[in-house]
Amino acid sequence: MGKGPGLYTDIGKKARDLLYKDYQGDHKFTLTTFTANGVAITSTGTKKGELLLADVSTQLKNKNITTDVKVDTNSKVFTTVTVDEPAPGLKAIFSFVVPDQRSGKVELQYQHEYAGISTSIGLTANPLVNFSGVVGNNCVSAGTDLSFDTASGNLTKLNAGLNLIHSDLIASLTLNDKGDTLNASYYHIVSPLTNTAVGAELTHSFSSNENTLTIGTQHALDPLTKVKARVNNYGRASALLQHEWRPKSLFTISGEVDTRAIEKSAKIGLAVALKP
């Protein structure tokens, strides 16, 4: 674990990655190449049912400045400029989407040994202001995440979270949706040698009185091959196999079946990422 509590988005992240990362029901192909001057060009194609989506992105790094530009099939241009460490512990991010004139946003992140702060503001006349802050250390931390709409004067988001970290386990508790949703998650490293871990997430909605429980596990068959599995209380079971057949090039296949309606076809997802 790194020093400091991290940012608010790090609360419960290990459990979320274990339970949800890399699972998909689409077919996705990604190819990354590099030019002679170090510019990374990534082409991505995704098939969602009968819909085919594609985008091309480039990344240019110059000292501590990283510029990312992505163009999608809707002719939208997404641009993000990241300045890493203009001052110790500080990161500045500027992003906008063309032709959306209201998409401009500036974000500042600051990480300290005992605090992590992220704040952003939209570049409009009546912007949306976001703020999140965490205090603590690399063992225990607590924080809040909120958004304020200056146009309406309303608080559009108000969340709070608690993170407890031990050498091999992480327990997290968050209160989201202005107090309507309680989320508890658990992540435990069973064997570091085989990257074996288990995790669980329980979500309770106070307004609907509904509970959702998801449990999952992962295990490395060898240094290049990983398997994952998960199931929730609604009977949806998923499994995943990921193989790194060459450095940074991944082949991932995943499937999901509804055990309460086994006669229905399983959802199969496939992702191939190629890097030289």
Protein backbone atom coordinates (compact mmCIF):
# COMPACT_ATOMS: atom_id res chain seq x y z
CA MET A 1 0.00 0.00 0.00
CA GLY A 2 1.22 3.52 -0.74
CA LYS A 3 1.59 6.25 1.82
CA GLY A 4 -1.37 8.45 2.62
CA PRO A 5 -5.14 7.87 2.34
CA GLY A 6 -5.33 8.50 -1.43
CA LEU A 7 -8.35 10.16 -3.01
CA TYR A 8 -12.05 9.60 -2.29
CA THR A 9 -12.36 7.42 -5.40
CA ASP A 10 -9.88 4.98 -3.81
CA ILE A 11 -12.38 4.08 -1.07
CA GLY A 12 -13.62 0.57 -1.92
CA LYS A 13 -11.71 0.53 -5.23
CA LYS A 14 -9.98 -2.82 -4.66
CA ALA A 15 -13.29 -4.60 -4.10
CA ARG A 16 -14.92 -2.85 -7.10
CA ASP A 17 -12.03 -3.85 -9.38
CA LEU A 18 -12.21 -7.45 -8.20
CA LEU A 19 -15.98 -7.69 -8.70
CA TYR A 20 -16.51 -5.64 -11.86
CA LYS A 21 -13.30 -4.81 -13.74
CA ASP A 22 -12.75 -6.57 -17.13
CA TYR A 23 -16.22 -8.20 -17.12
CA GLN A 24 -18.17 -7.30 -20.24
CA GLY A 25 -20.79 -8.66 -22.60
CA ASP A 26 -19.48 -6.90 -25.71
CA HIS A 27 -16.79 -7.69 -28.26
CA LYS A 28 -13.87 -5.26 -28.07
CA PHE A 29 -10.61 -4.97 -30.01
CA THR A 30 -7.85 -2.50 -29.08
CA LEU A 31 -4.60 -1.87 -30.96
CA THR A 32 -1.89 0.47 -29.67
CA THR A 33 1.10 1.57 -31.74
CA PHE A 34 3.90 4.07 -31.12
CA THR A 35 5.42 6.57 -33.54
CA ALA A 36 9.13 7.28 -33.75
CA ASN A 37 8.77 10.37 -31.54
CA GLY A 38 6.92 8.44 -28.81
CA VAL A 39 3.30 9.32 -29.57
CA ALA A 40 0.94 6.47 -28.63
CA ILE A 41 -1.96 5.86 -31.06
CA THR A 42 -4.77 3.57 -29.88
CA SER A 43 -7.61 2.34 -32.10
CA THR A 44 -10.62 0.70 -30.45
CA GLY A 45 -13.60 -1.07 -31.97
CA THR A 46 -16.54 -2.31 -29.88
CA LYS A 47 -19.53 -4.35 -31.02
CA LYS A 48 -22.58 -3.89 -28.79
CA GLY A 49 -25.28 -6.14 -30.18
CA GLU A 50 -25.91 -4.82 -33.69
CA LEU A 51 -24.15 -1.53 -32.96
CA LEU A 52 -20.52 -1.01 -33.91
CA LEU A 53 -18.59 1.76 -32.14
CA ALA A 54 -15.05 2.91 -32.82
CA ASP A 55 -12.62 5.56 -31.63
CA VAL A 56 -9.04 6.61 -32.18
CA SER A 57 -6.96 8.20 -29.43
CA THR A 58 -3.46 9.61 -29.19
CA GLN A 59 -1.28 10.26 -26.18
CA LEU A 60 1.74 12.57 -26.12
CA LYS A 61 4.01 12.90 -23.10
CA ASN A 62 6.40 15.82 -22.72
CA LYS A 63 8.23 15.90 -19.38
CA ASN A 64 5.43 16.16 -16.78
CA ILE A 65 2.65 17.07 -19.26
CA THR A 66 0.46 14.38 -20.83
CA THR A 67 -1.99 15.23 -23.61
CA ASP A 68 -4.74 12.75 -24.56
CA VAL A 69 -6.98 13.29 -27.61
CA LYS A 70 -9.77 10.89 -28.64
CA VAL A 71 -12.12 11.01 -31.63
CA ASP A 72 -15.21 8.77 -31.65
CA THR A 73 -17.72 7.69 -34.29
CA ASN A 74 -19.96 10.66 -33.43
CA SER A 75 -17.17 13.06 -34.49
CA LYS A 76 -16.70 14.22 -30.94
CA VAL A 77 -13.16 15.17 -29.90
CA PHE A 78 -12.25 14.51 -26.26
CA THR A 79 -9.12 16.31 -25.05
CA THR A 80 -7.45 15.96 -21.65
CA VAL A 81 -4.24 17.71 -20.57
CA THR A 82 -2.65 16.47 -17.34
CA VAL A 83 0.16 18.29 -15.57
CA ASP A 84 1.80 16.00 -13.03
CA GLU A 85 3.46 17.54 -9.98
CA PRO A 86 3.63 21.24 -10.91
CA ALA A 87 4.15 21.40 -7.13
CA PRO A 88 4.86 18.50 -4.75
CA GLY A 89 1.76 16.27 -4.42
CA LEU A 90 -0.29 18.33 -6.90
CA LYS A 91 -1.86 17.29 -10.22
CA ALA A 92 -3.76 19.58 -12.58
CA ILE A 93 -6.20 18.25 -15.21
CA PHE A 94 -7.88 20.28 -17.95
CA SER A 95 -10.49 18.59 -20.17
CA PHE A 96 -13.04 19.54 -22.81
CA VAL A 97 -15.14 17.99 -25.57
CA VAL A 98 -15.62 19.50 -29.04
CA PRO A 99 -18.24 20.63 -30.10
CA ASP A 100 -19.81 20.72 -26.60
CA GLN A 101 -19.09 24.27 -25.42
CA ARG A 102 -20.21 23.49 -21.86
CA SER A 103 -17.89 20.52 -21.37
CA GLY A 104 -14.75 22.39 -20.27
CA LYS A 105 -13.54 21.47 -16.78
CA VAL A 106 -10.50 22.12 -14.60
CA GLU A 107 -9.59 19.69 -11.84
CA LEU A 108 -6.92 19.89 -9.14
CA GLN A 109 -5.79 16.89 -7.12
CA TYR A 110 -3.56 17.10 -4.08
CA GLN A 111 -2.24 14.13 -2.13
CA HIS A 112 -0.50 14.41 1.22
CA GLU A 113 0.64 11.90 3.81
CA TYR A 114 -2.52 12.55 5.82
CA ALA A 115 -4.98 13.95 3.27
CA GLY A 116 -6.19 13.67 -0.31
CA ILE A 117 -8.22 16.42 -2.00
CA SER A 118 -9.80 16.67 -5.44
CA THR A 119 -11.78 19.65 -6.66
CA SER A 120 -13.13 20.54 -10.09
CA ILE A 121 -15.15 23.33 -11.66
CA GLY A 122 -16.87 23.58 -15.01
CA LEU A 123 -15.79 26.36 -17.36
CA THR A 124 -19.26 27.86 -17.79
CA ALA A 125 -21.10 30.91 -16.50
CA ASN A 126 -22.96 28.77 -13.94
CA PRO A 127 -20.64 25.83 -13.37
CA LEU A 128 -21.02 22.57 -11.51
CA VAL A 129 -18.52 22.49 -8.65
CA ASN A 130 -17.23 19.16 -7.31
CA PHE A 131 -15.22 18.62 -4.16
CA SER A 132 -13.99 15.47 -2.46
CA GLY A 133 -11.63 15.14 0.47
CA VAL A 134 -10.17 12.33 2.54
CA VAL A 135 -8.24 12.54 5.81
CA GLY A 136 -6.35 9.75 7.56
CA ASN A 137 -3.39 7.58 6.71
CA ASN A 138 -2.71 4.33 4.84
CA CYS A 139 -4.54 2.34 7.56
CA VAL A 140 -7.74 4.28 8.21
CA SER A 141 -9.35 7.16 6.35
CA ALA A 142 -12.67 8.97 6.07
CA GLY A 143 -13.94 11.42 3.51
CA THR A 144 -16.77 13.09 1.66
CA ASP A 145 -17.71 13.70 -1.96
CA LEU A 146 -20.13 16.45 -2.98
CA SER A 147 -21.29 18.47 -5.99
CA PHE A 148 -22.94 21.89 -6.04
CA ASP A 149 -24.90 23.29 -8.98
CA THR A 150 -24.36 27.06 -8.97
CA ALA A 151 -27.16 27.54 -11.53
CA SER A 152 -29.87 26.09 -9.29
CA GLY A 153 -28.15 26.52 -5.95
CA ASN A 154 -28.72 22.85 -5.15
CA LEU A 155 -26.39 20.26 -3.70
CA THR A 156 -26.64 17.58 -6.39
CA LYS A 157 -24.37 14.98 -4.74
CA LEU A 158 -23.52 14.25 -1.13
CA ASN A 159 -21.60 11.07 -0.27
CA ALA A 160 -19.44 9.98 2.66
CA GLY A 161 -17.06 7.07 3.09
CA LEU A 162 -14.82 5.18 5.51
CA ASN A 163 -11.87 2.94 4.61
CA LEU A 164 -10.05 0.47 6.90
CA ILE A 165 -6.87 -1.15 5.57
CA HIS A 166 -4.78 -3.97 7.02
CA SER A 167 -1.84 -5.74 5.44
CA ASP A 168 -4.06 -8.22 3.57
CA LEU A 169 -7.62 -6.86 3.82
CA ILE A 170 -9.62 -3.73 3.10
CA ALA A 171 -13.06 -2.92 4.49
CA SER A 172 -15.04 0.06 3.18
CA LEU A 173 -18.35 1.70 4.05
CA THR A 174 -19.98 4.46 1.98
CA LEU A 175 -23.25 6.37 2.22
CA ASN A 176 -24.36 7.58 -1.21
CA ASP A 177 -27.27 9.30 -2.99
CA LYS A 178 -27.73 11.86 -0.22
CA GLY A 179 -28.08 9.13 2.40
CA ASP A 180 -30.38 6.81 0.46
CA THR A 181 -27.86 4.06 -0.39
CA LEU A 182 -25.53 2.27 2.02
CA ASN A 183 -22.66 0.30 0.51
CA ALA A 184 -20.31 -2.02 2.40
CA SER A 185 -17.43 -3.86 0.71
CA TYR A 186 -14.67 -6.25 1.71
CA TYR A 187 -11.46 -7.29 -0.06
CA HIS A 188 -9.10 -9.94 1.25
CA ILE A 189 -5.81 -11.19 -0.20
CA VAL A 190 -5.72 -14.93 0.42
CA SER A 191 -2.40 -15.69 -1.27
CA PRO A 192 -0.08 -12.99 -2.67
CA LEU A 193 1.98 -15.63 -4.52
CA THR A 194 -0.96 -16.71 -6.69
CA ASN A 195 -2.75 -13.33 -6.62
CA THR A 196 -5.69 -15.08 -4.97
CA ALA A 197 -8.25 -12.75 -3.44
CA VAL A 198 -11.89 -12.75 -2.39
CA GLY A 199 -14.28 -9.84 -2.13
CA ALA A 200 -17.88 -8.94 -1.41
CA GLU A 201 -20.15 -5.94 -1.76
CA LEU A 202 -23.50 -5.35 -0.06
CA THR A 203 -25.73 -2.47 -1.18
CA HIS A 204 -28.90 -1.43 0.65
CA SER A 205 -31.40 1.10 -0.68
CA PHE A 206 -33.42 2.76 2.08
CA SER A 207 -36.08 4.11 -0.32
CA SER A 208 -36.85 0.73 -1.94
CA ASN A 209 -35.65 -1.47 0.94
CA GLU A 210 -33.77 -3.64 -1.58
CA ASN A 211 -30.47 -5.40 -0.95
CA THR A 212 -27.88 -6.46 -3.52
CA LEU A 213 -25.08 -8.81 -2.49
CA THR A 214 -22.21 -9.65 -4.85
CA ILE A 215 -19.33 -11.96 -3.97
CA GLY A 216 -16.33 -12.80 -6.12
CA THR A 217 -12.84 -14.21 -6.28
CA GLN A 218 -9.75 -14.18 -8.48
CA HIS A 219 -6.78 -16.51 -8.88
CA ALA A 220 -3.66 -16.57 -11.06
CA LEU A 221 -3.23 -19.93 -12.79
CA ASP A 222 0.28 -18.84 -13.77
CA PRO A 223 2.12 -15.49 -13.97
CA LEU A 224 0.37 -14.67 -17.27
CA THR A 225 -3.13 -16.14 -16.77
CA LYS A 226 -5.85 -15.00 -14.38
CA VAL A 227 -9.36 -16.29 -13.69
CA LYS A 228 -12.18 -14.48 -11.91
CA ALA A 229 -15.72 -15.40 -10.87
CA ARG A 230 -18.63 -13.63 -9.20
CA VAL A 231 -22.28 -14.21 -8.30
CA ASN A 232 -25.01 -12.02 -6.84
CA ASN A 233 -28.17 -12.70 -4.86
CA TYR A 234 -30.29 -12.35 -8.02
CA GLY A 235 -28.70 -15.48 -9.45
CA ARG A 236 -26.44 -13.85 -12.02
CA ALA A 237 -23.13 -15.72 -12.21
CA SER A 238 -20.12 -14.56 -14.21
CA ALA A 239 -16.68 -15.94 -14.99
CA LEU A 240 -13.63 -14.48 -16.69
CA LEU A 241 -10.34 -15.72 -18.13
CA GLN A 242 -7.55 -13.28 -18.96
CA HIS A 243 -4.21 -14.19 -20.54
CA GLU A 244 -1.24 -11.93 -21.24
CA TRP A 245 0.13 -13.68 -24.31
CA ARG A 246 2.83 -11.05 -24.78
CA PRO A 247 3.88 -8.05 -22.62
CA LYS A 248 0.91 -5.67 -22.20
CA SER A 249 -1.15 -7.61 -24.78
CA LEU A 250 -4.23 -9.18 -23.21
CA PHE A 251 -6.86 -11.67 -24.32
CA THR A 252 -9.98 -11.66 -22.13
CA ILE A 253 -13.12 -13.77 -22.42
CA SER A 254 -16.01 -13.50 -19.98
CA GLY A 255 -19.48 -14.95 -19.67
CA GLU A 256 -22.61 -14.37 -17.63
CA VAL A 257 -25.56 -16.66 -17.03
CA ASP A 258 -28.83 -16.13 -15.18
CA THR A 259 -29.13 -19.21 -12.97
CA ARG A 260 -32.82 -18.45 -12.36
CA ALA A 261 -33.51 -18.59 -16.10
CA ILE A 262 -30.98 -21.15 -17.26
CA GLU A 263 -32.86 -21.67 -20.56
CA LYS A 264 -31.76 -18.19 -21.68
CA SER A 265 -28.53 -17.86 -23.65
CA ALA A 266 -25.41 -16.87 -21.75
CA LYS A 267 -23.83 -13.49 -22.46
CA ILE A 268 -20.32 -13.84 -23.85
CA GLY A 269 -17.82 -10.99 -23.94
CA LEU A 270 -14.49 -10.89 -25.71
CA ALA A 271 -11.70 -8.32 -25.48
CA VAL A 272 -8.34 -8.31 -27.27
CA ALA A 273 -5.75 -5.61 -26.50
CA LEU A 274 -2.55 -5.53 -28.56
CA LYS A 275 0.53 -3.48 -27.72
CA PRO A 276 3.95 -3.71 -29.37
